[in-house]
Amino acid sequence: MIKHIVMWKFKDSANGKTKLENALGMKAKLENLVGKIDILRSLEVGINDLYTDASYDMVLTTTFDNEADMKAYAAHPLHVEVSTFCKSIRLARVTVDYHL
């Protein structure tokens, strides 16, 4: 199995909404993928509560059976739609992928 972790820093405002409004919208969009992309084994989204200089605003943790499924998820039209929204609100993105 593959664990895929992504963290984002968001703009203070984008698309006419605050950082928190966009983070909540992003969280809802990601959670809406559950049950719609069958290769997605698990998905958890968290919005940061305790801010420091090193903090990111949101984290996504997903699991897949293998790397091919993770790549298929990245190309899935529903994921691409969420990713496009994310690109409009983010400042930075970091990822970690590892085998379980």
PDB file of N, CA and C in Angstrom:
ATOM      1  N   MET A   1       0.835  -1.179   0.000  1.00  0.00           N
ATOM      2  CA  MET A   1       0.000   0.000   0.000  1.00  0.00           C
ATOM      3  C   MET A   1       0.880   1.243   0.000  1.00  0.00           C
ATOM      4  N   ILE A   2       0.317   2.332  -0.508  1.00  0.00           N
ATOM      5  CA  ILE A   2       1.010   3.615  -0.572  1.00  0.00           C
ATOM      6  C   ILE A   2       0.239   4.637   0.263  1.00  0.00           C
ATOM      7  N   LYS A   3       0.947   5.333   1.114  1.00  0.00           N
ATOM      8  CA  LYS A   3       0.388   6.464   1.856  1.00  0.00           C
ATOM      9  C   LYS A   3       0.830   7.729   1.129  1.00  0.00           C
ATOM     10  N   HIS A   4      -0.127   8.589   0.817  1.00  0.00           N
ATOM     11  CA  HIS A   4       0.126   9.837   0.088  1.00  0.00           C
ATOM     12  C   HIS A   4      -0.327  10.984   0.986  1.00  0.00           C
ATOM     13  N   ILE A   5       0.607  11.842   1.358  1.00  0.00           N
ATOM     14  CA  ILE A   5       0.314  12.973   2.234  1.00  0.00           C
ATOM     15  C   ILE A   5       0.638  14.264   1.491  1.00  0.00           C
ATOM     16  N   VAL A   6      -0.305  15.204   1.526  1.00  0.00           N
ATOM     17  CA  VAL A   6      -0.131  16.502   0.877  1.00  0.00           C
ATOM     18  C   VAL A   6      -0.469  17.583   1.896  1.00  0.00           C
ATOM     19  N   MET A   7       0.345  18.634   1.933  1.00  0.00           N
ATOM     20  CA  MET A   7       0.040  19.794   2.777  1.00  0.00           C
ATOM     21  C   MET A   7       0.064  21.037   1.913  1.00  0.00           C
ATOM     22  N   TRP A   8      -0.842  21.982   2.232  1.00  0.00           N
ATOM     23  CA  TRP A   8      -0.939  23.217   1.474  1.00  0.00           C
ATOM     24  C   TRP A   8      -0.905  24.423   2.391  1.00  0.00           C
ATOM     25  N   LYS A   9      -0.337  25.513   1.869  1.00  0.00           N
ATOM     26  CA  LYS A   9      -0.500  26.851   2.432  1.00  0.00           C
ATOM     27  C   LYS A   9      -1.406  27.586   1.459  1.00  0.00           C
ATOM     28  N   PHE A  10      -2.408  28.274   1.999  1.00  0.00           N
ATOM     29  CA  PHE A  10      -3.383  28.962   1.167  1.00  0.00           C
ATOM     30  C   PHE A  10      -3.188  30.471   1.207  1.00  0.00           C
ATOM     31  N   LYS A  11      -3.646  31.125   0.153  1.00  0.00           N
ATOM     32  CA  LYS A  11      -3.660  32.582   0.090  1.00  0.00           C
ATOM     33  C   LYS A  11      -4.622  33.110   1.152  1.00  0.00           C
ATOM     34  N   ASP A  12      -4.356  34.315   1.649  1.00  0.00           N
ATOM     35  CA  ASP A  12      -5.255  34.922   2.633  1.00  0.00           C
ATOM     36  C   ASP A  12      -6.660  35.102   2.082  1.00  0.00           C
ATOM     37  N   SER A  13      -6.744  35.359   0.781  1.00  0.00           N
ATOM     38  CA  SER A  13      -8.048  35.429   0.115  1.00  0.00           C
ATOM     39  C   SER A  13      -7.845  35.042  -1.350  1.00  0.00           C
ATOM     40  N   ALA A  14      -8.874  34.421  -1.910  1.00  0.00           N
ATOM     41  CA  ALA A  14      -8.847  34.013  -3.317  1.00  0.00           C
ATOM     42  C   ALA A  14     -10.279  33.713  -3.741  1.00  0.00           C
ATOM     43  N   ASN A  15     -10.560  33.949  -4.977  1.00  0.00           N
ATOM     44  CA  ASN A  15     -11.902  33.678  -5.515  1.00  0.00           C
ATOM     45  C   ASN A  15     -13.000  34.380  -4.720  1.00  0.00           C
ATOM     46  N   GLY A  16     -12.674  35.531  -4.130  1.00  0.00           N
ATOM     47  CA  GLY A  16     -13.655  36.284  -3.367  1.00  0.00           C
ATOM     48  C   GLY A  16     -13.968  35.721  -1.993  1.00  0.00           C
ATOM     49  N   LYS A  17     -13.135  34.802  -1.492  1.00  0.00           N
ATOM     50  CA  LYS A  17     -13.376  34.168  -0.196  1.00  0.00           C
ATOM     51  C   LYS A  17     -12.135  34.256   0.676  1.00  0.00           C
ATOM     52  N   THR A  18     -12.331  34.118   1.977  1.00  0.00           N
ATOM     53  CA  THR A  18     -11.219  34.128   2.920  1.00  0.00           C
ATOM     54  C   THR A  18     -10.476  32.805   2.864  1.00  0.00           C
ATOM     55  N   LYS A  19      -9.319  32.784   3.490  1.00  0.00           N
ATOM     56  CA  LYS A  19      -8.525  31.551   3.585  1.00  0.00           C
ATOM     57  C   LYS A  19      -9.356  30.431   4.212  1.00  0.00           C
ATOM     58  N   LEU A  20     -10.037  30.728   5.322  1.00  0.00           N
ATOM     59  CA  LEU A  20     -10.826  29.698   5.993  1.00  0.00           C
ATOM     60  C   LEU A  20     -11.981  29.220   5.127  1.00  0.00           C
ATOM     61  N   GLU A  21     -12.677  30.125   4.465  1.00  0.00           N
ATOM     62  CA  GLU A  21     -13.777  29.714   3.580  1.00  0.00           C
ATOM     63  C   GLU A  21     -13.271  28.809   2.467  1.00  0.00           C
ATOM     64  N   ASN A  22     -12.124  29.156   1.880  1.00  0.00           N
ATOM     65  CA  ASN A  22     -11.552  28.308   0.830  1.00  0.00           C
ATOM     66  C   ASN A  22     -11.080  26.974   1.383  1.00  0.00           C
ATOM     67  N   ALA A  23     -10.489  26.975   2.574  1.00  0.00           N
ATOM     68  CA  ALA A  23     -10.046  25.715   3.188  1.00  0.00           C
ATOM     69  C   ALA A  23     -11.240  24.804   3.448  1.00  0.00           C
ATOM     70  N   LEU A  24     -12.322  25.357   3.959  1.00  0.00           N
ATOM     71  CA  LEU A  24     -13.524  24.552   4.213  1.00  0.00           C
ATOM     72  C   LEU A  24     -14.105  24.021   2.905  1.00  0.00           C
ATOM     73  N   GLY A  25     -14.078  24.843   1.864  1.00  0.00           N
ATOM     74  CA  GLY A  25     -14.549  24.391   0.561  1.00  0.00           C
ATOM     75  C   GLY A  25     -13.676  23.288  -0.011  1.00  0.00           C
ATOM     76  N   MET A  26     -12.372  23.440   0.135  1.00  0.00           N
ATOM     77  CA  MET A  26     -11.429  22.422  -0.331  1.00  0.00           C
ATOM     78  C   MET A  26     -11.629  21.111   0.422  1.00  0.00           C
ATOM     79  N   LYS A  27     -11.797  21.201   1.728  1.00  0.00           N
ATOM     80  CA  LYS A  27     -12.037  20.008   2.554  1.00  0.00           C
ATOM     81  C   LYS A  27     -13.283  19.275   2.077  1.00  0.00           C
ATOM     82  N   ALA A  28     -14.363  20.012   1.853  1.00  0.00           N
ATOM     83  CA  ALA A  28     -15.610  19.397   1.392  1.00  0.00           C
ATOM     84  C   ALA A  28     -15.433  18.741   0.026  1.00  0.00           C
ATOM     85  N   LYS A  29     -14.714  19.406  -0.881  1.00  0.00           N
ATOM     86  CA  LYS A  29     -14.482  18.850  -2.216  1.00  0.00           C
ATOM     87  C   LYS A  29     -13.685  17.543  -2.128  1.00  0.00           C
ATOM     88  N   LEU A  30     -12.658  17.525  -1.288  1.00  0.00           N
ATOM     89  CA  LEU A  30     -11.854  16.311  -1.137  1.00  0.00           C
ATOM     90  C   LEU A  30     -12.671  15.187  -0.514  1.00  0.00           C
ATOM     91  N   GLU A  31     -13.394  15.482   0.545  1.00  0.00           N
ATOM     92  CA  GLU A  31     -14.195  14.449   1.207  1.00  0.00           C
ATOM     93  C   GLU A  31     -15.293  13.919   0.297  1.00  0.00           C
ATOM     94  N   ASN A  32     -15.731  14.730  -0.645  1.00  0.00           N
ATOM     95  CA  ASN A  32     -16.748  14.306  -1.600  1.00  0.00           C
ATOM     96  C   ASN A  32     -16.224  13.238  -2.570  1.00  0.00           C
ATOM     97  N   LEU A  33     -14.904  13.073  -2.653  1.00  0.00           N
ATOM     98  CA  LEU A  33     -14.322  12.051  -3.536  1.00  0.00           C
ATOM     99  C   LEU A  33     -14.503  10.634  -2.983  1.00  0.00           C
ATOM    100  N   VAL A  34     -14.708  10.520  -1.677  1.00  0.00           N
ATOM    101  CA  VAL A  34     -14.861   9.205  -1.045  1.00  0.00           C
ATOM    102  C   VAL A  34     -16.094   8.511  -1.622  1.00  0.00           C
ATOM    103  N   GLY A  35     -15.898   7.277  -2.070  1.00  0.00           N
ATOM    104  CA  GLY A  35     -16.979   6.502  -2.657  1.00  0.00           C
ATOM    105  C   GLY A  35     -17.184   6.765  -4.141  1.00  0.00           C
ATOM    106  N   LYS A  36     -16.523   7.776  -4.680  1.00  0.00           N
ATOM    107  CA  LYS A  36     -16.669   8.098  -6.096  1.00  0.00           C
ATOM    108  C   LYS A  36     -15.462   7.671  -6.916  1.00  0.00           C
ATOM    109  N   ILE A  37     -14.326   7.463  -6.246  1.00  0.00           N
ATOM    110  CA  ILE A  37     -13.115   6.979  -6.905  1.00  0.00           C
ATOM    111  C   ILE A  37     -12.741   5.679  -6.208  1.00  0.00           C
ATOM    112  N   ASP A  38     -13.037   4.558  -6.853  1.00  0.00           N
ATOM    113  CA  ASP A  38     -12.951   3.261  -6.172  1.00  0.00           C
ATOM    114  C   ASP A  38     -11.539   2.836  -5.783  1.00  0.00           C
ATOM    115  N   ILE A  39     -10.514   3.392  -6.385  1.00  0.00           N
ATOM    116  CA  ILE A  39      -9.137   3.014  -6.039  1.00  0.00           C
ATOM    117  C   ILE A  39      -8.624   3.756  -4.811  1.00  0.00           C
ATOM    118  N   LEU A  40      -9.395   4.714  -4.328  1.00  0.00           N
ATOM    119  CA  LEU A  40      -9.054   5.479  -3.133  1.00  0.00           C
ATOM    120  C   LEU A  40      -9.446   4.648  -1.910  1.00  0.00           C
ATOM    121  N   ARG A  41      -8.451   4.142  -1.175  1.00  0.00           N
ATOM    122  CA  ARG A  41      -8.720   3.254  -0.042  1.00  0.00           C
ATOM    123  C   ARG A  41      -9.101   4.008   1.225  1.00  0.00           C
ATOM    124  N   SER A  42      -8.488   5.164   1.464  1.00  0.00           N
ATOM    125  CA  SER A  42      -8.860   5.992   2.611  1.00  0.00           C
ATOM    126  C   SER A  42      -8.496   7.437   2.310  1.00  0.00           C
ATOM    127  N   LEU A  43      -9.195   8.345   2.990  1.00  0.00           N
ATOM    128  CA  LEU A  43      -8.950   9.762   2.807  1.00  0.00           C
ATOM    129  C   LEU A  43      -9.287  10.466   4.111  1.00  0.00           C
ATOM    130  N   GLU A  44      -8.365  11.317   4.555  1.00  0.00           N
ATOM    131  CA  GLU A  44      -8.579  12.136   5.747  1.00  0.00           C
ATOM    132  C   GLU A  44      -8.047  13.532   5.463  1.00  0.00           C
ATOM    133  N   VAL A  45      -8.836  14.545   5.832  1.00  0.00           N
ATOM    134  CA  VAL A  45      -8.455  15.936   5.614  1.00  0.00           C
ATOM    135  C   VAL A  45      -8.499  16.663   6.945  1.00  0.00           C
ATOM    136  N   GLY A  46      -7.455  17.451   7.225  1.00  0.00           N
ATOM    137  CA  GLY A  46      -7.436  18.256   8.444  1.00  0.00           C
ATOM    138  C   GLY A  46      -7.053  19.687   8.144  1.00  0.00           C
ATOM    139  N   ILE A  47      -7.760  20.614   8.806  1.00  0.00           N
ATOM    140  CA  ILE A  47      -7.433  22.032   8.718  1.00  0.00           C
ATOM    141  C   ILE A  47      -6.670  22.407   9.969  1.00  0.00           C
ATOM    142  N   ASN A  48      -5.541  23.063   9.808  1.00  0.00           N
ATOM    143  CA  ASN A  48      -4.660  23.402  10.921  1.00  0.00           C
ATOM    144  C   ASN A  48      -5.365  24.293  11.946  1.00  0.00           C
ATOM    145  N   ASP A  49      -5.193  23.959  13.216  1.00  0.00           N
ATOM    146  CA  ASP A  49      -5.762  24.735  14.322  1.00  0.00           C
ATOM    147  C   ASP A  49      -4.720  25.560  15.060  1.00  0.00           C
ATOM    148  N   LEU A  50      -3.477  25.105  15.056  1.00  0.00           N
ATOM    149  CA  LEU A  50      -2.421  25.719  15.866  1.00  0.00           C
ATOM    150  C   LEU A  50      -1.340  26.262  14.942  1.00  0.00           C
ATOM    151  N   TYR A  51      -1.348  27.568  14.718  1.00  0.00           N
ATOM    152  CA  TYR A  51      -0.457  28.163  13.733  1.00  0.00           C
ATOM    153  C   TYR A  51       0.892  28.553  14.330  1.00  0.00           C
ATOM    154  N   THR A  52       1.959  28.189  13.613  1.00  0.00           N
ATOM    155  CA  THR A  52       3.318  28.630  13.898  1.00  0.00           C
ATOM    156  C   THR A  52       3.919  29.072  12.569  1.00  0.00           C
ATOM    157  N   ASP A  53       5.132  29.584  12.585  1.00  0.00           N
ATOM    158  CA  ASP A  53       5.794  29.989  11.341  1.00  0.00           C
ATOM    159  C   ASP A  53       6.000  28.806  10.391  1.00  0.00           C
ATOM    160  N   ALA A  54       6.089  27.603  10.940  1.00  0.00           N
ATOM    161  CA  ALA A  54       6.330  26.421  10.117  1.00  0.00           C
ATOM    162  C   ALA A  54       5.047  25.727   9.671  1.00  0.00           C
ATOM    163  N   SER A  55       3.893  26.221  10.100  1.00  0.00           N
ATOM    164  CA  SER A  55       2.621  25.548   9.828  1.00  0.00           C
ATOM    165  C   SER A  55       2.180  25.646   8.376  1.00  0.00           C
ATOM    166  N   TYR A  56       1.499  24.607   7.952  1.00  0.00           N
ATOM    167  CA  TYR A  56       0.731  24.627   6.710  1.00  0.00           C
ATOM    168  C   TYR A  56      -0.740  24.703   7.107  1.00  0.00           C
ATOM    169  N   ASP A  57      -1.603  25.067   6.166  1.00  0.00           N
ATOM    170  CA  ASP A  57      -3.007  25.310   6.485  1.00  0.00           C
ATOM    171  C   ASP A  57      -3.875  24.059   6.455  1.00  0.00           C
ATOM    172  N   MET A  58      -3.521  23.092   5.613  1.00  0.00           N
ATOM    173  CA  MET A  58      -4.349  21.890   5.471  1.00  0.00           C
ATOM    174  C   MET A  58      -3.467  20.697   5.139  1.00  0.00           C
ATOM    175  N   VAL A  59      -3.922  19.523   5.574  1.00  0.00           N
ATOM    176  CA  VAL A  59      -3.238  18.276   5.245  1.00  0.00           C
ATOM    177  C   VAL A  59      -4.255  17.276   4.696  1.00  0.00           C
ATOM    178  N   LEU A  60      -3.824  16.512   3.714  1.00  0.00           N
ATOM    179  CA  LEU A  60      -4.604  15.427   3.135  1.00  0.00           C
ATOM    180  C   LEU A  60      -3.787  14.155   3.271  1.00  0.00           C
ATOM    181  N   THR A  61      -4.400  13.115   3.813  1.00  0.00           N
ATOM    182  CA  THR A  61      -3.755  11.810   3.907  1.00  0.00           C
ATOM    183  C   THR A  61      -4.632  10.802   3.183  1.00  0.00           C
ATOM    184  N   THR A  62      -4.062  10.137   2.183  1.00  0.00           N
ATOM    185  CA  THR A  62      -4.800   9.126   1.426  1.00  0.00           C
ATOM    186  C   THR A  62      -3.977   7.855   1.351  1.00  0.00           C
ATOM    187  N   THR A  63      -4.656   6.733   1.094  1.00  0.00           N
ATOM    188  CA  THR A  63      -3.954   5.470   0.865  1.00  0.00           C
ATOM    189  C   THR A  63      -4.481   4.822  -0.408  1.00  0.00           C
ATOM    190  N   PHE A  64      -3.555   4.121  -1.071  1.00  0.00           N
ATOM    191  CA  PHE A  64      -3.834   3.424  -2.317  1.00  0.00           C
ATOM    192  C   PHE A  64      -3.176   2.054  -2.250  1.00  0.00           C
ATOM    193  N   ASP A  65      -3.684   1.117  -3.029  1.00  0.00           N
ATOM    194  CA  ASP A  65      -3.098  -0.224  -3.045  1.00  0.00           C
ATOM    195  C   ASP A  65      -1.688  -0.231  -3.620  1.00  0.00           C
ATOM    196  N   ASN A  66      -1.428   0.660  -4.586  1.00  0.00           N
ATOM    197  CA  ASN A  66      -0.129   0.657  -5.251  1.00  0.00           C
ATOM    198  C   ASN A  66       0.095   1.996  -5.956  1.00  0.00           C
ATOM    199  N   GLU A  67       1.283   2.162  -6.510  1.00  0.00           N
ATOM    200  CA  GLU A  67       1.641   3.417  -7.183  1.00  0.00           C
ATOM    201  C   GLU A  67       0.794   3.659  -8.426  1.00  0.00           C
ATOM    202  N   ALA A  68       0.455   2.603  -9.147  1.00  0.00           N
ATOM    203  CA  ALA A  68      -0.376   2.764 -10.350  1.00  0.00           C
ATOM    204  C   ALA A  68      -1.739   3.356  -9.983  1.00  0.00           C
ATOM    205  N   ASP A  69      -2.314   2.901  -8.885  1.00  0.00           N
ATOM    206  CA  ASP A  69      -3.604   3.441  -8.448  1.00  0.00           C
ATOM    207  C   ASP A  69      -3.458   4.900  -8.025  1.00  0.00           C
ATOM    208  N   MET A  70      -2.359   5.239  -7.364  1.00  0.00           N
ATOM    209  CA  MET A  70      -2.142   6.622  -6.956  1.00  0.00           C
ATOM    210  C   MET A  70      -2.030   7.528  -8.193  1.00  0.00           C
ATOM    211  N   LYS A  71      -1.338   7.053  -9.216  1.00  0.00           N
ATOM    212  CA  LYS A  71      -1.216   7.831 -10.448  1.00  0.00           C
ATOM    213  C   LYS A  71      -2.558   7.939 -11.170  1.00  0.00           C
ATOM    214  N   ALA A  72      -3.352   6.872 -11.132  1.00  0.00           N
ATOM    215  CA  ALA A  72      -4.680   6.908 -11.749  1.00  0.00           C
ATOM    216  C   ALA A  72      -5.586   7.892 -11.015  1.00  0.00           C
ATOM    217  N   TYR A  73      -5.474   7.949  -9.695  1.00  0.00           N
ATOM    218  CA  TYR A  73      -6.229   8.916  -8.881  1.00  0.00           C
ATOM    219  C   TYR A  73      -5.859  10.339  -9.291  1.00  0.00           C
ATOM    220  N   ALA A  74      -4.578  10.596  -9.459  1.00  0.00           N
ATOM    221  CA  ALA A  74      -4.121  11.934  -9.831  1.00  0.00           C
ATOM    222  C   ALA A  74      -4.707  12.382 -11.170  1.00  0.00           C
ATOM    223  N   ALA A  75      -4.940  11.444 -12.077  1.00  0.00           N
ATOM    224  CA  ALA A  75      -5.462  11.760 -13.395  1.00  0.00           C
ATOM    225  C   ALA A  75      -6.989  11.667 -13.477  1.00  0.00           C
ATOM    226  N   HIS A  76      -7.631  11.171 -12.429  1.00  0.00           N
ATOM    227  CA  HIS A  76      -9.088  11.000 -12.449  1.00  0.00           C
ATOM    228  C   HIS A  76      -9.768  12.369 -12.586  1.00  0.00           C
ATOM    229  N   PRO A  77     -10.775  12.490 -13.456  1.00  0.00           N
ATOM    230  CA  PRO A  77     -11.427  13.787 -13.685  1.00  0.00           C
ATOM    231  C   PRO A  77     -11.974  14.450 -12.409  1.00  0.00           C
ATOM    232  N   LEU A  78     -12.489  13.687 -11.471  1.00  0.00           N
ATOM    233  CA  LEU A  78     -12.999  14.289 -10.235  1.00  0.00           C
ATOM    234  C   LEU A  78     -11.860  14.867  -9.395  1.00  0.00           C
ATOM    235  N   HIS A  79     -10.725  14.172  -9.357  1.00  0.00           N
ATOM    236  CA  HIS A  79      -9.570  14.695  -8.635  1.00  0.00           C
ATOM    237  C   HIS A  79      -8.996  15.918  -9.351  1.00  0.00           C
ATOM    238  N   VAL A  80      -8.939  15.866 -10.666  1.00  0.00           N
ATOM    239  CA  VAL A  80      -8.413  16.996 -11.442  1.00  0.00           C
ATOM    240  C   VAL A  80      -9.241  18.252 -11.181  1.00  0.00           C
ATOM    241  N   GLU A  81     -10.546  18.089 -11.039  1.00  0.00           N
ATOM    242  CA  GLU A  81     -11.425  19.225 -10.742  1.00  0.00           C
ATOM    243  C   GLU A  81     -11.066  19.854  -9.395  1.00  0.00           C
ATOM    244  N   VAL A  82     -10.844  19.027  -8.384  1.00  0.00           N
ATOM    245  CA  VAL A  82     -10.452  19.535  -7.066  1.00  0.00           C
ATOM    246  C   VAL A  82      -9.070  20.170  -7.142  1.00  0.00           C
ATOM    247  N   SER A  83      -8.165  19.549  -7.843  1.00  0.00           N
ATOM    248  CA  SER A  83      -6.803  20.063  -7.982  1.00  0.00           C
ATOM    249  C   SER A  83      -6.793  21.432  -8.666  1.00  0.00           C
ATOM    250  N   THR A  84      -7.641  21.603  -9.660  1.00  0.00           N
ATOM    251  CA  THR A  84      -7.733  22.892 -10.353  1.00  0.00           C
ATOM    252  C   THR A  84      -8.193  23.982  -9.393  1.00  0.00           C
ATOM    253  N   PHE A  85      -9.201  23.675  -8.567  1.00  0.00           N
ATOM    254  CA  PHE A  85      -9.652  24.633  -7.553  1.00  0.00           C
ATOM    255  C   PHE A  85      -8.506  24.949  -6.594  1.00  0.00           C
ATOM    256  N   CYS A  86      -7.812  23.914  -6.140  1.00  0.00           N
ATOM    257  CA  CYS A  86      -6.723  24.096  -5.183  1.00  0.00           C
ATOM    258  C   CYS A  86      -5.643  25.020  -5.740  1.00  0.00           C
ATOM    259  N   LYS A  87      -5.306  24.859  -6.993  1.00  0.00           N
ATOM    260  CA  LYS A  87      -4.264  25.699  -7.598  1.00  0.00           C
ATOM    261  C   LYS A  87      -4.640  27.175  -7.565  1.00  0.00           C
ATOM    262  N   SER A  88      -5.938  27.473  -7.546  1.00  0.00           N
ATOM    263  CA  SER A  88      -6.377  28.866  -7.534  1.00  0.00           C
ATOM    264  C   SER A  88      -6.310  29.488  -6.138  1.00  0.00           C
ATOM    265  N   ILE A  89      -6.165  28.660  -5.095  1.00  0.00           N
ATOM    266  CA  ILE A  89      -6.179  29.190  -3.725  1.00  0.00           C
ATOM    267  C   ILE A  89      -4.871  28.955  -2.970  1.00  0.00           C
ATOM    268  N   ARG A  90      -3.963  28.186  -3.523  1.00  0.00           N
ATOM    269  CA  ARG A  90      -2.764  27.817  -2.764  1.00  0.00           C
ATOM    270  C   ARG A  90      -1.578  28.729  -3.030  1.00  0.00           C
ATOM    271  N   LEU A  91      -0.726  28.790  -2.010  1.00  0.00           N
ATOM    272  CA  LEU A  91       0.571  29.457  -2.127  1.00  0.00           C
ATOM    273  C   LEU A  91       1.685  28.434  -2.274  1.00  0.00           C
ATOM    274  N   ALA A  92       1.543  27.318  -1.565  1.00  0.00           N
ATOM    275  CA  ALA A  92       2.596  26.301  -1.550  1.00  0.00           C
ATOM    276  C   ALA A  92       1.978  24.928  -1.334  1.00  0.00           C
ATOM    277  N   ARG A  93       2.720  23.900  -1.783  1.00  0.00           N
ATOM    278  CA  ARG A  93       2.274  22.506  -1.656  1.00  0.00           C
ATOM    279  C   ARG A  93       3.504  21.640  -1.441  1.00  0.00           C
ATOM    280  N   VAL A  94       3.399  20.698  -0.499  1.00  0.00           N
ATOM    281  CA  VAL A  94       4.453  19.702  -0.294  1.00  0.00           C
ATOM    282  C   VAL A  94       3.794  18.335  -0.180  1.00  0.00           C
ATOM    283  N   THR A  95       4.535  17.299  -0.568  1.00  0.00           N
ATOM    284  CA  THR A  95       3.986  15.932  -0.512  1.00  0.00           C
ATOM    285  C   THR A  95       5.014  14.967   0.033  1.00  0.00           C
ATOM    286  N   VAL A  96       4.500  13.866   0.571  1.00  0.00           N
ATOM    287  CA  VAL A  96       5.309  12.725   0.970  1.00  0.00           C
ATOM    288  C   VAL A  96       4.528  11.471   0.561  1.00  0.00           C
ATOM    289  N   ASP A  97       5.201  10.528  -0.065  1.00  0.00           N
ATOM    290  CA  ASP A  97       4.600   9.251  -0.462  1.00  0.00           C
ATOM    291  C   ASP A  97       5.510   8.145   0.054  1.00  0.00           C
ATOM    292  N   TYR A  98       4.906   7.149   0.703  1.00  0.00           N
ATOM    293  CA  TYR A  98       5.722   6.033   1.198  1.00  0.00           C
ATOM    294  C   TYR A  98       4.911   4.750   1.241  1.00  0.00           C
ATOM    295  N   HIS A  99       5.641   3.631   1.172  1.00  0.00           N
ATOM    296  CA  HIS A  99       5.021   2.302   1.208  1.00  0.00           C
ATOM    297  C   HIS A  99       4.719   1.920   2.663  1.00  0.00           C
ATOM    298  N   LEU A 100       3.569   1.345   2.851  1.00  0.00           N
ATOM    299  CA  LEU A 100       3.186   0.827   4.181  1.00  0.00           C
ATOM    300  C   LEU A 100       3.638  -0.605   4.334  1.00  0.00           C
TER     301      LEU A 100
END
